[in-house]
């Protein structure tokens, strides 16, 4: 088949290369790894990235877990036009510029699933299916059953990733942690504080931001956490009125409609908006996203699709959902945290912050996926729920010498705002959220 000379020219990469944060290689070197088509080369990329490479009619894409990467394949007489961006609305804007807006529907966009190299052939109509090749496959049951050893390795990997992150940031830049006083944000804060001191950096750069919408219970928890350790001077409450929680804005920024993610995203927007008002030039925010997924710490009884056996037997179930090629995997959104991290990424990006969660780095996930969950829990749900606190507490103590307080698990949105007030503002109605989101494109 003969193709017009312009056939491949309509690959439009709208991703911001400045948001790639890599260690040990340049963006162009990382792009060459993606372009090679070899999973082992993509696995060499260390850091946060969303990258596209093309070779003739072949386009390859890959991203880390913390970076959304979406694409849309439009039809033209001269050949297909592939548009790639981090947001659905950005894709639509480009289609309008191209005069192709009539082809658009948000459900026609596709998400590159995390931990996969995606290969597309631009060969016209009908479009062939993408080819998915996994590039990150952590070894299961690779850790011993000793909780002290697991904790040391898990928090040690966390500290290593935080150290790499800190060394990429100018020493004058302040650092904020979205801080509830829970296990994950608590570990991120304490390990960041420890690593700053170990590297000879100024720990006074650090703040623990706690969102309080009305009388949200996280404020007292966060204060107790830090004061117990003599670190109360780092705490900065962020008070927000309930009237500032805006469902329409949340749906527009998140571009998703899952109720728990909408709730979390609404709180994220409130936190980022308030910090931005207070600190117009602040850039760097750390968070604890991924900690629940790593240690499989979600209430199984709230999801009728899950059993403890499905949770402990399926590789990275909470990170990736049921997986690429499965019936319940969403082509538009991906699955698990691969989908849900937009609840954190989008609010931070919307208000000009650069976010980072060390729990989402492959080195940290490799330790957690290697935990022998079956041996340690014997399929007992209560033992699974208590595991995260034990692993993290022991690891933090070994690394820092600090005895980290452990509080009962609570979701970010349920700690930032009292549940009755949250439910009045954000009813758990996925169908209504979906209709409201689709109406943005009516």
Protein backbone atom coordinates (compact mmCIF):
# COMPACT_ATOMS: atom_id res chain seq x y z
CA UNK A 1 0.00 0.00 0.00
CA UNK A 2 1.27 3.48 -0.83
CA UNK A 3 0.83 6.17 1.83
CA UNK A 4 0.83 9.94 1.31
CA UNK A 5 4.01 11.72 2.36
CA UNK A 6 2.17 13.37 5.28
CA UNK A 7 0.81 10.07 6.56
CA UNK A 8 2.87 9.81 9.73
CA UNK A 9 3.18 13.54 10.34
CA UNK A 10 -0.08 13.70 12.25
CA UNK A 11 1.29 12.33 15.48
CA UNK A 12 0.67 15.19 17.89
CA UNK A 13 2.48 14.83 21.22
CA UNK A 14 0.96 17.34 23.66
CA UNK A 15 2.74 15.96 26.73
CA UNK A 16 4.92 18.44 28.59
CA UNK A 17 8.49 17.03 28.49
CA UNK A 18 9.39 19.23 31.45
CA UNK A 19 7.24 17.10 33.75
CA UNK A 20 9.40 14.01 33.21
CA UNK A 21 11.61 13.53 36.28
CA UNK A 22 14.33 11.00 35.54
CA UNK A 23 17.42 9.64 37.27
CA UNK A 24 20.48 8.46 35.36
CA UNK A 25 19.34 9.30 31.84
CA UNK A 26 18.05 12.17 29.75
CA UNK A 27 14.53 12.42 28.39
CA UNK A 28 15.83 11.63 24.91
CA UNK A 29 17.64 8.53 26.18
CA UNK A 30 14.45 7.42 27.94
CA UNK A 31 12.46 8.04 24.77
CA UNK A 32 14.93 5.84 22.89
CA UNK A 33 14.26 3.07 25.42
CA UNK A 34 10.54 3.33 24.65
CA UNK A 35 11.26 3.44 20.91
CA UNK A 36 13.32 0.25 21.10
CA UNK A 37 10.16 -1.78 21.63
CA UNK A 38 11.92 -3.90 24.26
CA UNK A 39 10.35 -4.19 27.70
CA UNK A 40 13.72 -4.61 29.39
CA UNK A 41 14.84 -1.25 27.98
CA UNK A 42 11.72 0.54 29.25
CA UNK A 43 12.27 -1.06 32.66
CA UNK A 44 15.62 0.75 32.81
CA UNK A 45 13.88 4.14 32.98
CA UNK A 46 14.11 5.36 36.56
CA UNK A 47 11.66 8.06 37.56
CA UNK A 48 8.38 9.68 36.63
CA UNK A 49 7.65 9.74 32.90
CA UNK A 50 5.13 9.70 30.06
CA UNK A 51 6.91 9.17 26.75
CA UNK A 52 6.11 8.61 23.09
CA UNK A 53 8.45 7.41 20.35
CA UNK A 54 7.71 6.71 16.71
CA UNK A 55 9.41 4.84 13.92
CA UNK A 56 7.61 5.19 10.60
CA UNK A 57 4.09 3.86 11.05
CA UNK A 58 4.91 2.43 14.49
CA UNK A 59 4.20 4.48 17.62
CA UNK A 60 5.21 3.28 21.07
CA UNK A 61 4.13 4.77 24.41
CA UNK A 62 4.86 4.11 28.06
CA UNK A 63 4.32 5.84 31.38
CA UNK A 64 5.00 5.44 35.06
CA UNK A 65 2.15 4.81 37.49
CA UNK A 66 2.04 8.45 38.61
CA UNK A 67 1.52 10.02 35.17
CA UNK A 68 -1.71 9.83 33.14
CA UNK A 69 -1.14 9.41 29.39
CA UNK A 70 -4.11 9.43 27.03
CA UNK A 71 -4.45 9.14 23.28
CA UNK A 72 -7.04 9.44 20.53
CA UNK A 73 -6.84 8.09 16.99
CA UNK A 74 -8.74 10.31 14.54
CA UNK A 75 -9.54 9.60 10.89
CA UNK A 76 -8.39 11.80 8.01
CA UNK A 77 -8.38 11.25 4.29
CA UNK A 78 -4.59 11.46 4.33
CA UNK A 79 -4.30 8.92 7.12
CA UNK A 80 -4.95 8.66 10.86
CA UNK A 81 -4.01 11.39 13.32
CA UNK A 82 -2.79 10.23 16.71
CA UNK A 83 -3.12 12.81 19.50
CA UNK A 84 -1.48 12.19 22.87
CA UNK A 85 -1.95 14.25 26.05
CA UNK A 86 -2.37 13.93 29.81
CA UNK A 87 -5.96 15.19 29.69
CA UNK A 88 -9.13 14.38 27.76
CA UNK A 89 -10.05 18.05 27.31
CA UNK A 90 -6.62 18.77 25.83
CA UNK A 91 -7.23 16.09 23.22
CA UNK A 92 -10.59 17.61 22.38
CA UNK A 93 -9.05 21.08 22.02
CA UNK A 94 -6.56 19.69 19.52
CA UNK A 95 -9.30 17.96 17.54
CA UNK A 96 -11.14 21.28 17.32
CA UNK A 97 -7.99 22.90 15.94
CA UNK A 98 -7.71 20.08 13.40
CA UNK A 99 -11.38 20.41 12.42
CA UNK A 100 -12.02 16.86 13.64
CA UNK A 101 -14.19 17.62 16.68
CA UNK A 102 -17.16 15.69 15.29
CA UNK A 103 -15.23 12.47 15.83
CA UNK A 104 -14.73 13.14 19.53
CA UNK A 105 -16.36 11.47 22.47
CA UNK A 106 -14.57 11.14 25.83
CA UNK A 107 -15.15 7.38 25.82
CA UNK A 108 -13.21 7.14 22.54
CA UNK A 109 -10.03 8.32 24.25
CA UNK A 110 -7.65 5.65 25.52
CA UNK A 111 -5.36 5.50 28.54
CA UNK A 112 -1.91 3.96 28.30
CA UNK A 113 -1.98 1.45 31.19
CA UNK A 114 0.83 1.84 33.70
CA UNK A 115 3.66 -0.72 33.54
CA UNK A 116 3.00 -1.57 29.88
CA UNK A 117 4.69 -0.63 26.65
CA UNK A 118 1.92 0.11 24.15
CA UNK A 119 2.59 -0.23 20.41
CA UNK A 120 0.23 1.12 17.75
CA UNK A 121 0.47 0.77 13.98
CA UNK A 122 -0.86 3.78 12.07
CA UNK A 123 -2.08 1.91 9.02
CA UNK A 124 -5.54 3.30 8.45
CA UNK A 125 -9.02 1.86 8.70
CA UNK A 126 -9.81 -0.44 10.40
CA UNK A 127 -7.29 0.36 13.13
CA UNK A 128 -5.43 -2.69 14.47
CA UNK A 129 -5.53 -3.33 18.22
CA UNK A 130 -2.59 -2.01 20.23
CA UNK A 131 0.03 -4.50 21.39
CA UNK A 132 0.67 -4.45 25.14
CA UNK A 133 3.96 -5.66 26.63
CA UNK A 134 4.46 -5.59 30.39
CA UNK A 135 7.74 -3.97 31.44
CA UNK A 136 7.41 -4.14 35.24
CA UNK A 137 6.72 -7.54 36.82
CA UNK A 138 7.78 -7.64 40.46
CA UNK A 139 8.62 -11.07 41.86
CA UNK A 140 6.02 -12.38 44.24
CA UNK A 141 6.86 -13.94 47.62
CA UNK A 142 10.47 -12.77 47.31
CA UNK A 143 10.63 -11.40 50.87
CA UNK A 144 11.06 -13.45 54.05
CA UNK A 145 8.22 -13.77 56.55
CA UNK A 146 10.06 -11.65 59.11
CA UNK A 147 8.26 -8.32 59.57
CA UNK A 148 11.36 -6.49 60.78
CA UNK A 149 13.25 -7.42 57.62
CA UNK A 150 10.29 -6.52 55.40
CA UNK A 151 9.88 -3.18 57.15
CA UNK A 152 13.57 -2.39 56.86
CA UNK A 153 13.59 -3.13 53.13
CA UNK A 154 10.29 -1.38 52.41
CA UNK A 155 11.10 1.86 54.24
CA UNK A 156 14.70 1.63 53.06
CA UNK A 157 13.48 1.65 49.45
CA UNK A 158 11.17 4.55 50.31
CA UNK A 159 14.09 6.53 51.75
CA UNK A 160 16.22 5.83 48.68
CA UNK A 161 13.51 7.20 46.37
CA UNK A 162 13.01 10.27 48.55
CA UNK A 163 16.76 10.91 48.51
CA UNK A 164 16.85 10.78 44.70
CA UNK A 165 13.90 13.14 44.58
CA UNK A 166 15.43 15.64 46.99
CA UNK A 167 18.70 15.71 45.06
CA UNK A 168 16.83 16.83 41.93
CA UNK A 169 15.28 19.87 43.63
CA UNK A 170 17.09 23.17 44.30
CA UNK A 171 18.08 23.35 47.96
CA UNK A 172 16.20 26.63 48.39
CA UNK A 173 12.82 25.13 47.38
CA UNK A 174 10.30 24.48 50.18
CA UNK A 175 8.70 21.04 50.49
CA UNK A 176 5.13 20.28 51.53
CA UNK A 177 3.61 16.95 52.54
CA UNK A 178 -0.14 16.41 52.27
CA UNK A 179 -0.37 15.14 55.84
CA UNK A 180 -3.24 13.44 57.65
CA UNK A 181 -1.22 11.73 60.37
CA UNK A 182 -2.15 8.38 58.84
CA UNK A 183 0.36 5.61 58.17
CA UNK A 184 1.31 6.58 54.64
CA UNK A 185 1.56 10.36 54.93
CA UNK A 186 3.18 9.88 58.32
CA UNK A 187 5.88 7.65 56.87
CA UNK A 188 6.50 10.04 53.97
CA UNK A 189 6.88 12.98 56.33
CA UNK A 190 9.15 11.23 58.84
CA UNK A 191 11.36 9.63 56.20
CA UNK A 192 11.64 12.92 54.28
CA UNK A 193 12.61 14.70 57.51
CA UNK A 194 15.20 12.00 58.22
CA UNK A 195 16.67 12.01 54.71
CA UNK A 196 16.93 15.81 54.65
CA UNK A 197 19.05 15.64 57.79
CA UNK A 198 21.12 12.72 56.50
CA UNK A 199 21.92 14.63 53.31
CA UNK A 200 22.86 17.74 55.23
CA UNK A 201 19.86 19.65 53.88
CA UNK A 202 17.77 22.10 55.88
CA UNK A 203 14.71 20.35 57.39
CA UNK A 204 13.12 23.75 57.99
CA UNK A 205 12.13 23.62 54.30
CA UNK A 206 9.51 21.04 55.25
CA UNK A 207 5.86 21.59 56.14
CA UNK A 208 3.08 19.14 56.96
CA UNK A 209 -0.13 20.54 55.44
CA UNK A 210 -3.33 19.15 56.96
CA UNK A 211 -6.64 19.93 55.27
CA UNK A 212 -9.55 20.71 57.61
CA UNK A 213 -12.91 21.30 55.94
CA UNK A 214 -15.06 22.32 58.86
CA UNK A 215 -14.33 19.98 61.77
CA UNK A 216 -12.54 17.25 59.84
CA UNK A 217 -11.03 14.72 62.27
CA UNK A 218 -7.60 14.57 60.59
CA UNK A 219 -6.55 17.87 62.14
CA UNK A 220 -6.44 16.51 65.69
CA UNK A 221 -4.86 13.26 64.50
CA UNK A 222 -2.12 15.06 62.57
CA UNK A 223 -1.38 17.37 65.49
CA UNK A 224 -1.15 14.43 67.91
CA UNK A 225 1.14 12.52 65.52
CA UNK A 226 3.67 15.33 65.23
CA UNK A 227 3.55 16.54 68.83
CA UNK A 228 4.15 12.99 70.09
CA UNK A 229 7.46 13.06 68.23
CA UNK A 230 8.35 16.65 69.14
CA UNK A 231 7.81 17.80 65.55
CA UNK A 232 4.76 19.99 66.02
CA UNK A 233 6.53 23.07 64.67
CA UNK A 234 6.33 21.57 61.15
CA UNK A 235 2.53 21.39 61.22
CA UNK A 236 0.45 23.83 59.20
CA UNK A 237 -3.34 23.40 59.23
CA UNK A 238 -5.17 24.39 56.05
CA UNK A 239 -8.71 25.47 56.96
CA UNK A 240 -11.30 25.52 54.16
CA UNK A 241 -15.01 26.29 54.25
CA UNK A 242 -17.36 23.53 53.11
CA UNK A 243 -18.85 25.90 50.55
CA UNK A 244 -15.58 25.80 48.60
CA UNK A 245 -16.05 22.11 47.76
CA UNK A 246 -17.36 22.20 44.20
CA UNK A 247 -18.65 19.05 42.48
CA UNK A 248 -18.73 20.61 39.00
CA UNK A 249 -15.14 21.83 39.26
CA UNK A 250 -14.01 18.45 40.58
CA UNK A 251 -15.56 16.54 37.68
CA UNK A 252 -14.05 18.96 35.18
CA UNK A 253 -10.56 18.70 36.66
CA UNK A 254 -10.60 14.95 37.33
CA UNK A 255 -12.35 13.94 34.10
CA UNK A 256 -13.69 10.91 35.95
CA UNK A 257 -16.82 9.99 37.87
CA UNK A 258 -16.00 7.20 40.35
CA UNK A 259 -17.49 8.43 43.67
CA UNK A 260 -14.51 7.66 45.92
CA UNK A 261 -12.14 9.34 43.47
CA UNK A 262 -14.48 12.32 43.14
CA UNK A 263 -14.53 12.68 46.93
CA UNK A 264 -10.75 12.41 47.18
CA UNK A 265 -10.23 14.73 44.22
CA UNK A 266 -12.56 17.35 45.70
CA UNK A 267 -10.49 17.37 48.89
CA UNK A 268 -7.29 17.52 46.84
CA UNK A 269 -8.56 20.54 44.96
CA UNK A 270 -9.54 22.26 48.20
CA UNK A 271 -6.09 21.62 49.68
CA UNK A 272 -4.15 22.72 46.60
CA UNK A 273 -6.30 25.84 46.12
CA UNK A 274 -5.80 26.91 49.72
CA UNK A 275 -2.04 26.31 49.69
CA UNK A 276 -1.74 28.22 46.43
CA UNK A 277 -3.60 31.19 47.93
CA UNK A 278 -1.28 31.19 50.91
CA UNK A 279 1.94 30.47 49.01
CA UNK A 280 1.79 31.76 45.42
CA UNK A 281 5.24 30.39 44.52
CA UNK A 282 5.16 26.98 46.19
CA UNK A 283 5.94 24.09 43.81
CA UNK A 284 6.69 20.75 45.48
CA UNK A 285 4.11 18.57 47.24
CA UNK A 286 4.68 15.02 48.47
CA UNK A 287 1.90 12.59 49.31
CA UNK A 288 1.37 9.04 50.50
CA UNK A 289 -0.69 7.74 47.59
CA UNK A 290 0.07 4.12 46.79
CA UNK A 291 0.73 3.05 50.35
CA UNK A 292 -2.69 1.41 50.72
CA UNK A 293 -2.30 -0.35 47.39
CA UNK A 294 1.19 -1.61 48.21
CA UNK A 295 0.16 -3.25 51.47
CA UNK A 296 -3.32 -4.25 50.19
CA UNK A 297 -5.02 -2.19 52.86
CA UNK A 298 -8.53 -1.51 51.59
CA UNK A 299 -11.80 -2.66 53.22
CA UNK A 300 -12.59 -5.78 51.20
CA UNK A 301 -16.10 -5.91 52.61
CA UNK A 302 -16.97 -2.65 50.83
CA UNK A 303 -16.42 -4.20 47.39
CA UNK A 304 -18.65 -7.20 46.55
CA UNK A 305 -16.30 -8.14 43.69
CA UNK A 306 -13.41 -8.88 46.05
CA UNK A 307 -12.41 -11.60 48.46
CA UNK A 308 -9.18 -11.83 50.40
CA UNK A 309 -8.12 -14.60 48.02
CA UNK A 310 -8.55 -12.38 44.98
CA UNK A 311 -6.59 -9.61 46.72
CA UNK A 312 -3.58 -11.71 47.74
CA UNK A 313 -3.47 -13.96 44.66
CA UNK A 314 -3.59 -11.31 41.90
CA UNK A 315 -0.40 -9.43 41.06
CA UNK A 316 -0.79 -5.69 41.72
CA UNK A 317 -4.59 -5.91 41.80
CA UNK A 318 -5.01 -2.58 43.59
CA UNK A 319 -2.44 -0.90 41.33
CA UNK A 320 -3.76 -2.09 37.97
CA UNK A 321 -7.27 -3.41 38.52
CA UNK A 322 -8.10 -6.74 36.94
CA UNK A 323 -5.46 -6.15 34.29
CA UNK A 324 -4.99 -5.44 30.60
CA UNK A 325 -6.96 -7.76 28.36
CA UNK A 326 -9.57 -8.57 31.01
CA UNK A 327 -13.26 -7.88 30.53
CA UNK A 328 -13.44 -5.36 33.37
CA UNK A 329 -10.36 -3.38 32.29
CA UNK A 330 -11.41 0.07 31.04
CA UNK A 331 -9.69 1.09 27.81
CA UNK A 332 -10.71 4.70 28.49
CA UNK A 333 -9.42 4.88 32.05
CA UNK A 334 -7.23 1.84 32.81
CA UNK A 335 -7.82 0.28 36.25
CA UNK A 336 -6.87 0.43 39.91
CA UNK A 337 -4.40 3.12 40.94
CA UNK A 338 -3.36 3.35 37.30
CA UNK A 339 -6.72 5.05 36.87
CA UNK A 340 -7.26 6.54 40.30
CA UNK A 341 -4.03 8.50 40.73
CA UNK A 342 -5.57 11.24 38.60
CA UNK A 343 -7.44 12.18 41.82
CA UNK A 344 -4.06 13.42 43.12
CA UNK A 345 -2.25 14.33 39.90
CA UNK A 346 -4.96 16.51 38.36
CA UNK A 347 -5.65 18.82 41.36
CA UNK A 348 -1.92 19.36 41.92
CA UNK A 349 -1.29 20.05 38.23
CA UNK A 350 -4.35 22.31 38.02
CA UNK A 351 -2.90 24.61 40.69
CA UNK A 352 0.67 24.49 39.44
CA UNK A 353 2.20 22.00 41.87
CA UNK A 354 4.66 19.24 41.10
CA UNK A 355 3.55 16.17 43.04
CA UNK A 356 5.50 13.11 44.16
CA UNK A 357 4.63 9.92 45.99
CA UNK A 358 7.61 7.67 46.74
CA UNK A 359 5.26 4.73 47.38
CA UNK A 360 4.59 4.59 43.63
CA UNK A 361 8.18 4.00 42.58
CA UNK A 362 8.88 0.49 41.23
CA UNK A 363 11.67 -0.19 43.76
CA UNK A 364 9.20 0.33 46.61
CA UNK A 365 6.42 -1.64 44.94
CA UNK A 366 8.85 -4.48 44.22
CA UNK A 367 9.42 -4.90 47.95
CA UNK A 368 5.72 -4.80 48.80
CA UNK A 369 4.67 -7.19 46.04
CA UNK A 370 7.36 -9.57 47.27
CA UNK A 371 5.75 -9.83 50.71
CA UNK A 372 4.44 -13.38 51.36
CA UNK A 373 0.93 -12.18 52.12
CA UNK A 374 -0.59 -15.65 52.22
CA UNK A 375 1.95 -16.96 54.73
CA UNK A 376 1.60 -13.87 56.90
CA UNK A 377 -2.20 -13.70 56.90
CA UNK A 378 -3.37 -17.28 56.28
CA UNK A 379 -6.30 -15.59 54.47
CA UNK A 380 -7.39 -13.80 57.64
CA UNK A 381 -8.77 -10.34 56.78
CA UNK A 382 -8.00 -8.75 60.15
CA UNK A 383 -4.38 -9.90 59.92
CA UNK A 384 -4.13 -8.38 56.45
CA UNK A 385 -5.48 -5.05 57.72
CA UNK A 386 -2.97 -4.93 60.59
CA UNK A 387 -0.01 -5.80 58.37
CA UNK A 388 0.64 -2.34 56.94
CA UNK A 389 0.93 -0.63 60.29
CA UNK A 390 3.36 -3.27 61.55
CA UNK A 391 5.55 -3.20 58.44
CA UNK A 392 5.73 0.60 58.26
CA UNK A 393 6.13 1.15 62.02
CA UNK A 394 9.03 -1.30 62.22
CA UNK A 395 10.69 0.07 59.12
CA UNK A 396 10.46 3.69 60.26
CA UNK A 397 11.86 2.77 63.67
CA UNK A 398 14.80 0.91 62.13
CA UNK A 399 15.63 3.73 59.72
CA UNK A 400 14.99 6.80 61.86
CA UNK A 401 14.90 5.61 65.47
CA UNK A 402 11.47 7.23 65.85
CA UNK A 403 8.47 5.34 67.20
CA UNK A 404 5.80 6.30 64.70
CA UNK A 405 2.22 6.63 66.04
CA UNK A 406 -0.30 4.34 64.30
CA UNK A 407 -3.92 5.43 64.06
CA UNK A 408 -6.94 3.59 62.69
CA UNK A 409 -7.17 3.71 58.90
CA UNK A 410 -9.29 6.49 57.42
CA UNK A 411 -9.59 7.68 53.83
CA UNK A 412 -8.28 11.17 53.04
CA UNK A 413 -11.74 12.58 52.30
CA UNK A 414 -13.24 11.10 55.49
CA UNK A 415 -10.55 12.72 57.61
CA UNK A 416 -10.53 16.07 55.88
CA UNK A 417 -14.28 16.60 56.25
CA UNK A 418 -16.82 15.04 58.64
CA UNK A 419 -18.63 12.23 56.85
CA UNK A 420 -22.17 13.63 57.22
CA UNK A 421 -21.03 16.96 55.74
CA UNK A 422 -19.13 15.18 52.98
CA UNK A 423 -22.16 13.15 52.03
CA UNK A 424 -24.30 16.29 51.77
CA UNK A 425 -21.80 17.87 49.37
CA UNK A 426 -20.80 14.71 47.50
CA UNK A 427 -23.48 12.03 47.32
CA UNK A 428 -22.32 8.54 46.31
CA UNK A 429 -24.10 8.56 42.96
CA UNK A 430 -21.83 7.36 40.17
CA UNK A 431 -24.57 7.57 37.52
CA UNK A 432 -25.23 11.23 38.35
CA UNK A 433 -21.52 12.05 38.26
CA UNK A 434 -21.17 10.28 34.91
CA UNK A 435 -24.07 12.26 33.42
CA UNK A 436 -22.65 15.52 34.75
CA UNK A 437 -19.20 14.72 33.34
CA UNK A 438 -20.52 13.76 29.90
CA UNK A 439 -22.60 16.96 29.84
CA UNK A 440 -19.30 18.88 29.70
CA UNK A 441 -18.96 17.62 26.13
CA UNK A 442 -22.58 17.79 25.05
